[in-house]
Amino acid sequence: MPLAPPRLCPGCGHLTTGPCGRCLRRKDQARGSARARGYNSEWTTLARTFLTQFPWCGQRADGQLHTEHSVCAARGARVEARVVDHIRSLRDGGPLLDPHNLQSLCTSCNTRKG
């Protein structure tokens, strides 16, 4: 049972008790499934290969550690990456399969980036 009173979702106006104030209905409608967003077997192969070549949080296709989205790299820590992230999001017109638009991130840094 939620302790906080329901709030209006800022996106769709439905009542929600979620911690961020946004309802799941809006999230599902806005984002779509991974397959609908273009993540297919070609993406899976590219992502696995990328993580093998660039295993550290903050590492990009140039092999360097970048601090823009990686707290780990900013601290000088070598943390194993678990996620391949688009530097320029697909929503903002970034290319899906271009290795120069990818970076390896740990789960924490990827979540922090949003």
Protein backbone atom coordinates (compact mmCIF):
# COMPACT_ATOMS: atom_id res chain seq x y z
CA MET A 1 0.00 0.00 0.00
CA PRO A 2 1.54 3.33 -1.05
CA LEU A 3 2.25 5.89 1.66
CA ALA A 4 2.33 8.96 -0.56
CA PRO A 5 -0.91 10.48 -1.84
CA PRO A 6 -1.59 10.04 -5.57
CA ARG A 7 -0.29 12.76 -7.88
CA LEU A 8 -1.15 13.76 -11.42
CA CYS A 9 1.24 12.48 -14.07
CA PRO A 10 2.76 15.58 -15.72
CA GLY A 11 2.54 13.93 -19.12
CA CYS A 12 -0.95 12.48 -19.36
CA GLY A 13 -2.84 13.77 -16.29
CA HIS A 14 -3.68 10.35 -14.83
CA LEU A 15 -3.28 9.76 -11.11
CA THR A 16 -0.16 7.89 -10.11
CA THR A 17 1.55 6.80 -6.91
CA GLY A 18 4.88 6.15 -8.64
CA PRO A 19 8.00 7.58 -7.00
CA CYS A 20 8.75 9.91 -9.91
CA GLY A 21 5.18 11.13 -10.39
CA ARG A 22 4.91 9.62 -13.86
CA CYS A 23 2.54 6.79 -14.61
CA LEU A 24 3.54 3.54 -16.27
CA ARG A 25 0.84 4.03 -18.89
CA ARG A 26 2.63 7.10 -20.25
CA LYS A 27 6.04 5.41 -20.16
CA ASP A 28 4.78 2.44 -22.18
CA GLN A 29 3.01 4.64 -24.71
CA ALA A 30 5.90 7.03 -25.22
CA ARG A 31 8.74 4.55 -25.51
CA GLY A 32 7.47 1.44 -27.26
CA SER A 33 9.17 -1.94 -27.23
CA ALA A 34 12.87 -2.42 -27.91
CA ARG A 35 12.09 -4.10 -31.23
CA ALA A 36 9.77 -1.23 -32.22
CA ARG A 37 12.65 1.18 -31.53
CA GLY A 38 14.97 -0.73 -33.89
CA TYR A 39 16.92 -2.93 -31.47
CA ASN A 40 17.25 -6.18 -33.41
CA SER A 41 19.77 -9.00 -33.82
CA GLU A 42 22.13 -6.68 -35.71
CA TRP A 43 22.15 -4.32 -32.70
CA THR A 44 22.74 -7.22 -30.30
CA THR A 45 25.77 -8.39 -32.28
CA LEU A 46 27.19 -4.85 -32.51
CA ALA A 47 26.66 -4.20 -28.78
CA ARG A 48 28.37 -7.45 -27.73
CA THR A 49 31.32 -6.77 -30.04
CA PHE A 50 31.57 -3.17 -28.80
CA LEU A 51 31.68 -4.25 -25.13
CA THR A 52 34.39 -6.78 -25.95
CA GLN A 53 36.52 -4.15 -27.67
CA PHE A 54 35.80 -1.34 -25.18
CA PRO A 55 35.21 -2.96 -21.77
CA TRP A 56 35.59 0.10 -19.47
CA CYS A 57 32.94 2.57 -18.35
CA GLY A 58 33.26 5.76 -20.40
CA GLN A 59 35.18 4.17 -23.27
CA ARG A 60 34.24 5.11 -26.82
CA ALA A 61 35.19 3.94 -30.31
CA ASP A 62 38.40 5.99 -30.20
CA GLY A 63 39.53 3.80 -27.29
CA GLN A 64 39.72 6.76 -24.88
CA LEU A 65 37.87 7.13 -21.59
CA HIS A 66 35.46 10.06 -21.77
CA THR A 67 34.09 11.77 -18.66
CA GLU A 68 31.02 13.41 -20.22
CA HIS A 69 28.61 10.62 -19.16
CA SER A 70 30.87 8.49 -16.97
CA VAL A 71 31.38 9.32 -13.31
CA CYS A 72 33.73 6.34 -13.16
CA ALA A 73 36.04 7.80 -15.83
CA ALA A 74 35.84 11.22 -14.16
CA ARG A 75 37.08 9.65 -10.91
CA GLY A 76 39.83 7.79 -12.73
CA ALA A 77 38.30 4.43 -11.80
CA ARG A 78 38.40 1.45 -14.16
CA VAL A 79 34.94 -0.06 -13.85
CA GLU A 80 33.73 -2.83 -16.14
CA ALA A 81 31.00 -1.65 -18.52
CA ARG A 82 27.77 -3.61 -18.80
CA VAL A 83 25.79 -1.42 -21.21
CA VAL A 84 26.34 0.02 -24.67
CA ASP A 85 24.81 3.49 -24.76
CA HIS A 86 24.12 5.92 -27.59
CA ILE A 87 26.00 9.19 -27.06
CA ARG A 88 23.42 11.07 -29.09
CA SER A 89 20.08 9.42 -28.36
CA LEU A 90 17.98 7.85 -31.07
CA ARG A 91 15.17 10.16 -30.00
CA ASP A 92 17.42 13.12 -30.89
CA GLY A 93 18.33 11.67 -34.28
CA GLY A 94 21.44 9.69 -33.33
CA PRO A 95 22.25 6.72 -35.58
CA LEU A 96 21.43 3.27 -34.17
CA LEU A 97 24.32 1.25 -35.59
CA ASP A 98 27.16 3.79 -35.89
CA PRO A 99 30.02 2.75 -33.56
CA HIS A 100 31.11 6.41 -33.31
CA ASN A 101 27.78 7.16 -31.59
CA LEU A 102 28.33 4.48 -28.93
CA GLN A 103 29.99 4.36 -25.53
CA SER A 104 30.41 1.66 -22.93
CA LEU A 105 28.93 2.47 -19.53
CA CYS A 106 28.46 0.68 -16.23
CA THR A 107 24.85 0.23 -15.16
CA SER A 108 25.10 3.05 -12.61
CA CYS A 109 26.40 5.63 -15.10
CA ASN A 110 23.86 4.55 -17.71
CA THR A 111 21.01 4.95 -15.21
CA ARG A 112 22.38 8.33 -14.11
CA LYS A 113 22.49 9.52 -17.73
CA GLY A 114 18.83 8.64 -18.13
